C-alpha atoms as a PDB file:
ATOM      1  CA  MET A   1     160.262  54.172 -63.793  1.00  0.00           C
ATOM      2  CA  GLU A   2     160.763  53.272 -67.448  1.00  0.00           C
ATOM      3  CA  SER A   3     164.532  53.905 -67.322  1.00  0.00           C
ATOM      4  CA  SER A   4     166.726  50.940 -68.196  1.00  0.00           C
ATOM      5  CA  GLU A   5     169.404  52.303 -65.854  1.00  0.00           C
ATOM      6  CA  HIS A   6     167.809  51.678 -62.477  1.00  0.00           C
ATOM      7  CA  LEU A   7     169.868  52.297 -59.361  1.00  0.00           C
ATOM      8  CA  LEU A   8     168.193  49.256 -57.771  1.00  0.00           C
ATOM      9  CA  LYS A   9     166.437  46.532 -59.720  1.00  0.00           C
ATOM     10  CA  VAL A  10     164.708  43.619 -57.974  1.00  0.00           C
ATOM     11  CA  GLU A  11     163.479  40.794 -60.218  1.00  0.00           C
ATOM     12  CA  ASN A  12     161.575  37.573 -59.464  1.00  0.00           C
ATOM     13  CA  LEU A  13     162.700  37.625 -55.818  1.00  0.00           C
ATOM     14  CA  HIS A  14     161.808  34.557 -53.754  1.00  0.00           C
ATOM     15  CA  VAL A  15     162.756  34.358 -50.070  1.00  0.00           C
ATOM     16  CA  HIS A  16     161.900  31.590 -47.582  1.00  0.00           C
ATOM     17  CA  TYR A  17     161.814  31.357 -43.809  1.00  0.00           C
ATOM     18  CA  GLY A  18     162.197  27.621 -43.464  1.00  0.00           C
ATOM     19  CA  LYS A  19     159.280  26.184 -45.436  1.00  0.00           C
ATOM     20  CA  ILE A  20     157.360  29.478 -45.436  1.00  0.00           C
ATOM     21  CA  GLU A  21     157.656  31.473 -48.658  1.00  0.00           C
ATOM     22  CA  ALA A  22     157.884  35.082 -47.464  1.00  0.00           C
ATOM     23  CA  LEU A  23     158.481  36.685 -50.879  1.00  0.00           C
ATOM     24  CA  ARG A  24     157.021  35.145 -53.996  1.00  0.00           C
ATOM     25  CA  GLY A  25     158.572  36.602 -57.118  1.00  0.00           C
ATOM     26  CA  ILE A  26     158.416  40.315 -56.297  1.00  0.00           C
ATOM     27  CA  GLU A  27     159.744  42.839 -58.804  1.00  0.00           C
ATOM     28  CA  PHE A  28     160.341  46.576 -58.483  1.00  0.00           C
ATOM     29  CA  ALA A  29     162.925  49.241 -59.255  1.00  0.00           C
ATOM     30  CA  VAL A  30     164.269  52.453 -57.769  1.00  0.00           C
ATOM     31  CA  ASN A  31     165.858  55.173 -59.886  1.00  0.00           C
ATOM     32  CA  GLU A  32     168.504  57.570 -58.610  1.00  0.00           C
ATOM     33  CA  GLY A  33     166.998  60.485 -56.694  1.00  0.00           C
ATOM     34  CA  GLU A  34     163.598  58.828 -56.250  1.00  0.00           C
ATOM     35  CA  LEU A  35     161.632  58.238 -53.078  1.00  0.00           C
ATOM     36  CA  VAL A  36     159.942  54.871 -53.510  1.00  0.00           C
ATOM     37  CA  THR A  37     157.669  53.407 -50.845  1.00  0.00           C
ATOM     38  CA  VAL A  38     156.488  49.859 -50.230  1.00  0.00           C
ATOM     39  CA  ILE A  39     153.271  49.596 -48.239  1.00  0.00           C
ATOM     40  CA  GLY A  40     151.302  46.628 -46.974  1.00  0.00           C
ATOM     41  CA  ALA A  41     149.863  44.988 -43.885  1.00  0.00           C
ATOM     42  CA  ASN A  42     151.939  43.262 -41.208  1.00  0.00           C
ATOM     43  CA  GLY A  43     153.368  40.041 -42.599  1.00  0.00           C
ATOM     44  CA  ALA A  44     153.169  41.195 -46.203  1.00  0.00           C
ATOM     45  CA  GLY A  45     156.936  40.893 -46.653  1.00  0.00           C
ATOM     46  CA  LYS A  46     158.040  44.532 -46.371  1.00  0.00           C
ATOM     47  CA  THR A  47     160.849  44.094 -43.825  1.00  0.00           C
ATOM     48  CA  THR A  48     161.885  40.820 -45.482  1.00  0.00           C
ATOM     49  CA  THR A  49     162.405  42.777 -48.701  1.00  0.00           C
ATOM     50  CA  LEU A  50     164.794  45.244 -47.041  1.00  0.00           C
ATOM     51  CA  ARG A  51     166.636  42.544 -45.105  1.00  0.00           C
ATOM     52  CA  THR A  52     167.210  40.629 -48.340  1.00  0.00           C
ATOM     53  CA  ILE A  53     168.537  43.701 -50.163  1.00  0.00           C
ATOM     54  CA  SER A  54     170.824  44.374 -47.168  1.00  0.00           C
ATOM     55  CA  GLY A  55     172.224  40.825 -47.313  1.00  0.00           C
ATOM     56  CA  LEU A  56     170.764  39.744 -43.973  1.00  0.00           C
ATOM     57  CA  LEU A  57     168.610  37.201 -45.809  1.00  0.00           C
ATOM     58  CA  HIS A  58     169.555  35.249 -48.927  1.00  0.00           C
ATOM     59  CA  PRO A  59     167.160  34.816 -51.836  1.00  0.00           C
ATOM     60  CA  VAL A  60     166.204  31.330 -52.969  1.00  0.00           C
ATOM     61  CA  GLU A  61     165.649  32.658 -56.471  1.00  0.00           C
ATOM     62  CA  GLY A  62     165.780  35.957 -58.312  1.00  0.00           C
ATOM     63  CA  SER A  63     168.050  38.930 -58.759  1.00  0.00           C
ATOM     64  CA  ILE A  64     168.929  42.108 -56.837  1.00  0.00           C
ATOM     65  CA  ARG A  65     171.055  44.451 -58.926  1.00  0.00           C
ATOM     66  CA  PHE A  66     172.507  47.683 -57.533  1.00  0.00           C
ATOM     67  CA  MET A  67     174.229  50.060 -59.969  1.00  0.00           C
ATOM     68  CA  GLY A  68     174.271  47.134 -62.408  1.00  0.00           C
ATOM     69  CA  GLU A  69     176.008  44.741 -59.985  1.00  0.00           C
ATOM     70  CA  GLU A  70     174.359  41.627 -58.574  1.00  0.00           C
ATOM     71  CA  ILE A  71     174.219  41.958 -54.770  1.00  0.00           C
ATOM     72  CA  GLY A  72     171.660  39.246 -53.983  1.00  0.00           C
ATOM     73  CA  GLY A  73     173.227  36.899 -51.428  1.00  0.00           C
ATOM     74  CA  MET A  74     176.209  39.198 -50.849  1.00  0.00           C
ATOM     75  CA  ALA A  75     177.472  39.577 -47.255  1.00  0.00           C
ATOM     76  CA  PRO A  76     175.886  42.532 -45.389  1.00  0.00           C
ATOM     77  CA  SER A  77     179.287  44.200 -44.913  1.00  0.00           C
ATOM     78  CA  LYS A  78     179.865  44.154 -48.679  1.00  0.00           C
ATOM     79  CA  VAL A  79     176.401  45.590 -49.359  1.00  0.00           C
ATOM     80  CA  THR A  80     177.050  48.366 -46.825  1.00  0.00           C
ATOM     81  CA  ALA A  81     180.428  49.066 -48.449  1.00  0.00           C
ATOM     82  CA  ARG A  82     178.478  49.822 -51.652  1.00  0.00           C
ATOM     83  CA  HIS A  83     176.602  52.536 -49.700  1.00  0.00           C
ATOM     84  CA  VAL A  84     173.306  50.638 -49.478  1.00  0.00           C
ATOM     85  CA  ILE A  85     172.316  51.656 -45.951  1.00  0.00           C
ATOM     86  CA  GLN A  86     169.368  50.315 -43.946  1.00  0.00           C
ATOM     87  CA  ILE A  87     167.864  52.133 -40.956  1.00  0.00           C
ATOM     88  CA  PRO A  88     166.203  49.167 -39.241  1.00  0.00           C
ATOM     89  CA  GLU A  89     162.825  49.054 -37.562  1.00  0.00           C
ATOM     90  CA  GLY A  90     163.237  49.848 -33.855  1.00  0.00           C
ATOM     91  CA  ARG A  91     166.187  52.211 -34.398  1.00  0.00           C
ATOM     92  CA  ARG A  92     168.966  49.834 -33.135  1.00  0.00           C
ATOM     93  CA  ILE A  93     171.295  52.596 -31.986  1.00  0.00           C
ATOM     94  CA  PHE A  94     174.215  51.895 -29.630  1.00  0.00           C
ATOM     95  CA  PRO A  95     172.647  52.792 -26.253  1.00  0.00           C
ATOM     96  CA  ASP A  96     175.923  52.989 -24.295  1.00  0.00           C
ATOM     97  CA  LEU A  97     177.672  55.222 -26.824  1.00  0.00           C
ATOM     98  CA  THR A  98     177.156  58.994 -26.923  1.00  0.00           C
ATOM     99  CA  VAL A  99     175.231  60.652 -29.719  1.00  0.00           C
ATOM    100  CA  ARG A 100     178.535  61.812 -31.236  1.00  0.00           C
ATOM    101  CA  GLU A 101     180.018  58.295 -31.021  1.00  0.00           C
ATOM    102  CA  ASN A 102     176.907  56.798 -32.634  1.00  0.00           C
ATOM    103  CA  LEU A 103     177.242  59.229 -35.530  1.00  0.00           C
ATOM    104  CA  GLU A 104     180.959  58.483 -35.849  1.00  0.00           C
ATOM    105  CA  MET A 105     180.108  54.772 -36.118  1.00  0.00           C
ATOM    106  CA  GLY A 106     178.187  55.617 -39.281  1.00  0.00           C
ATOM    107  CA  ALA A 107     181.415  56.871 -40.863  1.00  0.00           C
ATOM    108  CA  TYR A 108     183.650  53.983 -39.738  1.00  0.00           C
ATOM    109  CA  LEU A 109     184.383  52.842 -43.306  1.00  0.00           C
ATOM    110  CA  ARG A 110     185.344  56.356 -44.422  1.00  0.00           C
ATOM    111  CA  LYS A 111     188.806  57.920 -44.502  1.00  0.00           C
ATOM    112  CA  ASP A 112     187.918  61.400 -45.873  1.00  0.00           C
ATOM    113  CA  ALA A 113     188.179  63.595 -42.775  1.00  0.00           C
ATOM    114  CA  ALA A 114     187.003  66.756 -44.544  1.00  0.00           C
ATOM    115  CA  GLY A 115     184.007  64.937 -46.043  1.00  0.00           C
ATOM    116  CA  ILE A 116     183.118  63.404 -42.671  1.00  0.00           C
ATOM    117  CA  LYS A 117     183.186  66.851 -41.048  1.00  0.00           C
ATOM    118  CA  LYS A 118     181.004  68.269 -43.842  1.00  0.00           C
ATOM    119  CA  ASP A 119     178.461  65.454 -43.459  1.00  0.00           C
ATOM    120  CA  PHE A 120     178.511  65.803 -39.668  1.00  0.00           C
ATOM    121  CA  ASP A 121     177.623  69.501 -40.013  1.00  0.00           C
ATOM    122  CA  TRP A 122     174.881  68.581 -42.502  1.00  0.00           C
ATOM    123  CA  VAL A 123     173.403  66.015 -40.092  1.00  0.00           C
ATOM    124  CA  MET A 124     173.475  68.634 -37.310  1.00  0.00           C
ATOM    125  CA  SER A 125     171.560  71.050 -39.561  1.00  0.00           C
ATOM    126  CA  LEU A 126     168.933  68.354 -40.240  1.00  0.00           C
ATOM    127  CA  PHE A 127     168.666  67.290 -36.594  1.00  0.00           C
ATOM    128  CA  PRO A 128     169.329  70.290 -34.307  1.00  0.00           C
ATOM    129  CA  ARG A 129     168.019  68.257 -31.349  1.00  0.00           C
ATOM    130  CA  LEU A 130     170.978  65.908 -31.726  1.00  0.00           C
ATOM    131  CA  GLU A 131     173.448  68.790 -31.651  1.00  0.00           C
ATOM    132  CA  GLU A 132     172.119  69.700 -28.204  1.00  0.00           C
ATOM    133  CA  ARG A 133     172.712  66.121 -26.997  1.00  0.00           C
ATOM    134  CA  LEU A 134     176.067  65.149 -28.518  1.00  0.00           C
ATOM    135  CA  SER A 135     177.554  64.061 -25.180  1.00  0.00           C
ATOM    136  CA  GLN A 136     174.440  62.156 -24.024  1.00  0.00           C
ATOM    137  CA  LYS A 137     174.318  58.378 -24.253  1.00  0.00           C
ATOM    138  CA  GLY A 138     172.032  57.161 -27.009  1.00  0.00           C
ATOM    139  CA  GLY A 139     169.975  55.075 -24.610  1.00  0.00           C
ATOM    140  CA  THR A 140     168.887  58.187 -22.678  1.00  0.00           C
ATOM    141  CA  LEU A 141     167.229  59.781 -25.733  1.00  0.00           C
ATOM    142  CA  SER A 142     163.493  59.751 -26.392  1.00  0.00           C
ATOM    143  CA  GLY A 143     162.129  57.416 -29.073  1.00  0.00           C
ATOM    144  CA  GLY A 144     161.908  60.250 -31.579  1.00  0.00           C
ATOM    145  CA  GLU A 145     165.445  61.391 -30.851  1.00  0.00           C
ATOM    146  CA  GLN A 146     166.704  57.822 -31.237  1.00  0.00           C
ATOM    147  CA  GLN A 147     165.014  57.650 -34.648  1.00  0.00           C
ATOM    148  CA  MET A 148     166.754  60.902 -35.604  1.00  0.00           C
ATOM    149  CA  LEU A 149     170.051  59.440 -34.382  1.00  0.00           C
ATOM    150  CA  ALA A 150     169.575  56.235 -36.378  1.00  0.00           C
ATOM    151  CA  MET A 151     168.859  58.288 -39.503  1.00  0.00           C
ATOM    152  CA  GLY A 152     171.805  60.586 -38.833  1.00  0.00           C
ATOM    153  CA  ARG A 153     174.129  57.610 -38.361  1.00  0.00           C
ATOM    154  CA  GLY A 154     172.935  56.204 -41.688  1.00  0.00           C
ATOM    155  CA  LEU A 155     173.542  59.514 -43.453  1.00  0.00           C
ATOM    156  CA  MET A 156     177.120  59.582 -42.125  1.00  0.00           C
ATOM    157  CA  SER A 157     177.709  56.504 -44.322  1.00  0.00           C
ATOM    158  CA  GLN A 158     177.089  58.587 -47.474  1.00  0.00           C
ATOM    159  CA  PRO A 159     174.231  56.378 -48.687  1.00  0.00           C
ATOM    160  CA  LYS A 160     173.640  55.952 -52.394  1.00  0.00           C
ATOM    161  CA  LEU A 161     170.423  54.210 -51.327  1.00  0.00           C
ATOM    162  CA  LEU A 162     168.891  54.921 -47.911  1.00  0.00           C
ATOM    163  CA  MET A 163     166.412  52.247 -46.816  1.00  0.00           C
ATOM    164  CA  LEU A 164     164.074  53.222 -43.980  1.00  0.00           C
ATOM    165  CA  ASP A 165     162.096  50.500 -42.194  1.00  0.00           C
ATOM    166  CA  GLU A 166     158.991  51.822 -40.386  1.00  0.00           C
ATOM    167  CA  PRO A 167     160.479  55.163 -39.238  1.00  0.00           C
ATOM    168  CA  SER A 168     157.183  56.275 -37.641  1.00  0.00           C
ATOM    169  CA  MET A 169     156.676  53.142 -35.539  1.00  0.00           C
ATOM    170  CA  GLY A 170     155.938  53.852 -31.863  1.00  0.00           C
ATOM    171  CA  LEU A 171     156.334  57.620 -32.167  1.00  0.00           C
ATOM    172  CA  ALA A 172     153.917  60.359 -31.129  1.00  0.00           C
ATOM    173  CA  PRO A 173     152.096  62.081 -34.039  1.00  0.00           C
ATOM    174  CA  VAL A 174     153.983  65.364 -33.562  1.00  0.00           C
ATOM    175  CA  VAL A 175     157.327  63.498 -33.771  1.00  0.00           C
ATOM    176  CA  VAL A 176     156.171  61.511 -36.803  1.00  0.00           C
ATOM    177  CA  GLU A 177     155.439  64.823 -38.532  1.00  0.00           C
ATOM    178  CA  ILE A 178     159.002  65.992 -37.816  1.00  0.00           C
ATOM    179  CA  ILE A 179     160.538  62.717 -39.042  1.00  0.00           C
ATOM    180  CA  PHE A 180     158.544  62.770 -42.281  1.00  0.00           C
ATOM    181  CA  GLY A 181     159.445  66.411 -42.808  1.00  0.00           C
ATOM    182  CA  ILE A 182     163.104  65.384 -42.634  1.00  0.00           C
ATOM    183  CA  ILE A 183     162.555  62.437 -45.012  1.00  0.00           C
ATOM    184  CA  LYS A 184     160.964  64.828 -47.514  1.00  0.00           C
ATOM    185  CA  LYS A 185     163.873  67.258 -47.091  1.00  0.00           C
ATOM    186  CA  LEU A 186     166.385  64.457 -47.737  1.00  0.00           C
ATOM    187  CA  HIS A 187     164.487  63.535 -50.892  1.00  0.00           C
ATOM    188  CA  ASP A 188     164.442  67.187 -51.991  1.00  0.00           C
ATOM    189  CA  GLU A 189     168.227  67.248 -51.497  1.00  0.00           C
ATOM    190  CA  GLY A 190     168.658  64.285 -53.847  1.00  0.00           C
ATOM    191  CA  VAL A 191     168.993  61.324 -51.457  1.00  0.00           C
ATOM    192  CA  THR A 192     167.564  58.144 -53.021  1.00  0.00           C
ATOM    193  CA  ILE A 193     165.173  56.550 -50.525  1.00  0.00           C
ATOM    194  CA  LEU A 194     163.374  53.216 -50.276  1.00  0.00           C
ATOM    195  CA  LEU A 195     160.752  53.636 -47.560  1.00  0.00           C
ATOM    196  CA  ILE A 196     158.860  50.857 -45.779  1.00  0.00           C
ATOM    197  CA  GLU A 197     155.995  52.365 -43.816  1.00  0.00           C
ATOM    198  CA  GLN A 198     152.707  51.170 -42.351  1.00  0.00           C
ATOM    199  CA  ASN A 199     151.274  54.683 -42.366  1.00  0.00           C
ATOM    200  CA  ALA A 200     150.321  54.581 -46.034  1.00  0.00           C
ATOM    201  CA  ASN A 201     148.873  58.110 -45.999  1.00  0.00           C
ATOM    202  CA  LEU A 202     152.181  59.627 -44.951  1.00  0.00           C
ATOM    203  CA  ALA A 203     154.298  57.443 -47.216  1.00  0.00           C
ATOM    204  CA  LEU A 204     152.271  57.881 -50.409  1.00  0.00           C
ATOM    205  CA  ALA A 205     151.948  61.633 -49.868  1.00  0.00           C
ATOM    206  CA  ILE A 206     155.709  62.109 -50.306  1.00  0.00           C
ATOM    207  CA  ALA A 207     156.568  59.175 -52.605  1.00  0.00           C
ATOM    208  CA  ASP A 208     157.393  59.444 -56.283  1.00  0.00           C
ATOM    209  CA  TYR A 209     156.400  55.842 -56.755  1.00  0.00           C
ATOM    210  CA  GLY A 210     154.882  53.086 -54.648  1.00  0.00           C
ATOM    211  CA  PHE A 211     154.260  49.357 -54.492  1.00  0.00           C
ATOM    212  CA  VAL A 212     151.637  47.486 -52.506  1.00  0.00           C
ATOM    213  CA  LEU A 213     152.801  44.147 -51.080  1.00  0.00           C
ATOM    214  CA  GLU A 214     150.287  41.472 -50.117  1.00  0.00           C
ATOM    215  CA  THR A 215     151.433  38.079 -48.799  1.00  0.00           C
ATOM    216  CA  GLY A 216     154.795  38.287 -50.518  1.00  0.00           C
ATOM    217  CA  THR A 217     153.667  39.514 -53.916  1.00  0.00           C
ATOM    218  CA  VAL A 218     153.367  42.956 -55.540  1.00  0.00           C
ATOM    219  CA  LYS A 219     149.627  43.529 -55.979  1.00  0.00           C
ATOM    220  CA  LEU A 220     149.623  47.149 -57.161  1.00  0.00           C
ATOM    221  CA  LYS A 221     152.095  49.775 -58.276  1.00  0.00           C
ATOM    222  CA  GLY A 222     151.958  53.365 -59.437  1.00  0.00           C
ATOM    223  CA  THR A 223     152.917  56.892 -58.512  1.00  0.00           C
ATOM    224  CA  GLY A 224     152.195  57.990 -54.970  1.00  0.00           C
ATOM    225  CA  ALA A 225     149.265  60.061 -56.240  1.00  0.00           C
ATOM    226  CA  GLU A 226     147.862  57.174 -58.309  1.00  0.00           C
ATOM    227  CA  LEU A 227     147.924  54.789 -55.373  1.00  0.00           C
ATOM    228  CA  MET A 228     146.344  57.367 -53.054  1.00  0.00           C
ATOM    229  CA  ALA A 229     143.509  57.707 -55.567  1.00  0.00           C
ATOM    230  CA  ASN A 230     143.086  53.940 -56.002  1.00  0.00           C
ATOM    231  CA  GLU A 231     139.830  52.751 -54.437  1.00  0.00           C
ATOM    232  CA  ASP A 232     141.240  49.420 -53.224  1.00  0.00           C
ATOM    233  CA  VAL A 233     144.220  51.164 -51.604  1.00  0.00           C
ATOM    234  CA  ARG A 234     141.954  53.745 -49.986  1.00  0.00           C
ATOM    235  CA  LYS A 235     139.778  51.033 -48.456  1.00  0.00           C
ATOM    236  CA  ALA A 236     142.575  48.698 -47.362  1.00  0.00           C
ATOM    237  CA  TYR A 237     145.304  51.093 -46.273  1.00  0.00           C
ATOM    238  CA  LEU A 238     143.995  54.632 -45.966  1.00  0.00           C
ATOM    239  CA  GLY A 239     141.157  53.867 -43.572  1.00  0.00           C
ATOM    240  CA  GLU A 240     138.293  54.697 -45.919  1.00  0.00           C
ATOM    241  CA  GLY A 241     135.042  52.846 -46.421  1.00  0.00           C
END
């Protein structure tokens, strides 16, 4: 985290919802190839952080630099074109499109047919359940399968930064285990990941680095292992004492 060449660098970020200050000067960085997690209670500002990086919200103050370029306040389509890809909370797949069509939507900005085919085969290897359901409409899939589809669609965009917002939300424990196994595999394969997750145990166990958000500010930071060992984190987020 000491590198001066961060892939993503967020500095002094302030974001408002009307008169409510949702983010109050947060700062963090993500280096290429890292899995960085942001944990915190509901309302801490986790989703707001991702939505601001994605361009869905505009900062009142501060800087968001990606590969050295300022993207704070940039239109979402321009952020996506830079391969900053968000998998939103609640999946948000296209329910009336087939699994194959949903995945193809992830590659809509691409023109490299051979690369698209290669990535499609890679996504099928990661999510064999999807391969069995390519002709099914997305809306007929289970919650876990829809999460896999949302992740697969994001990967078809060739993300330089993959941002995952609460991927375990609403899923059965056995499915959560599968999803987190895939997230770890993506990290092992070199995908840079920014993970927002309420299940702090799962997130910190696989994270290189983590930040704890409380009411719009970064309260703690450290490696995943350091935060898991921190007494305050253990009490507040890991269900101990």
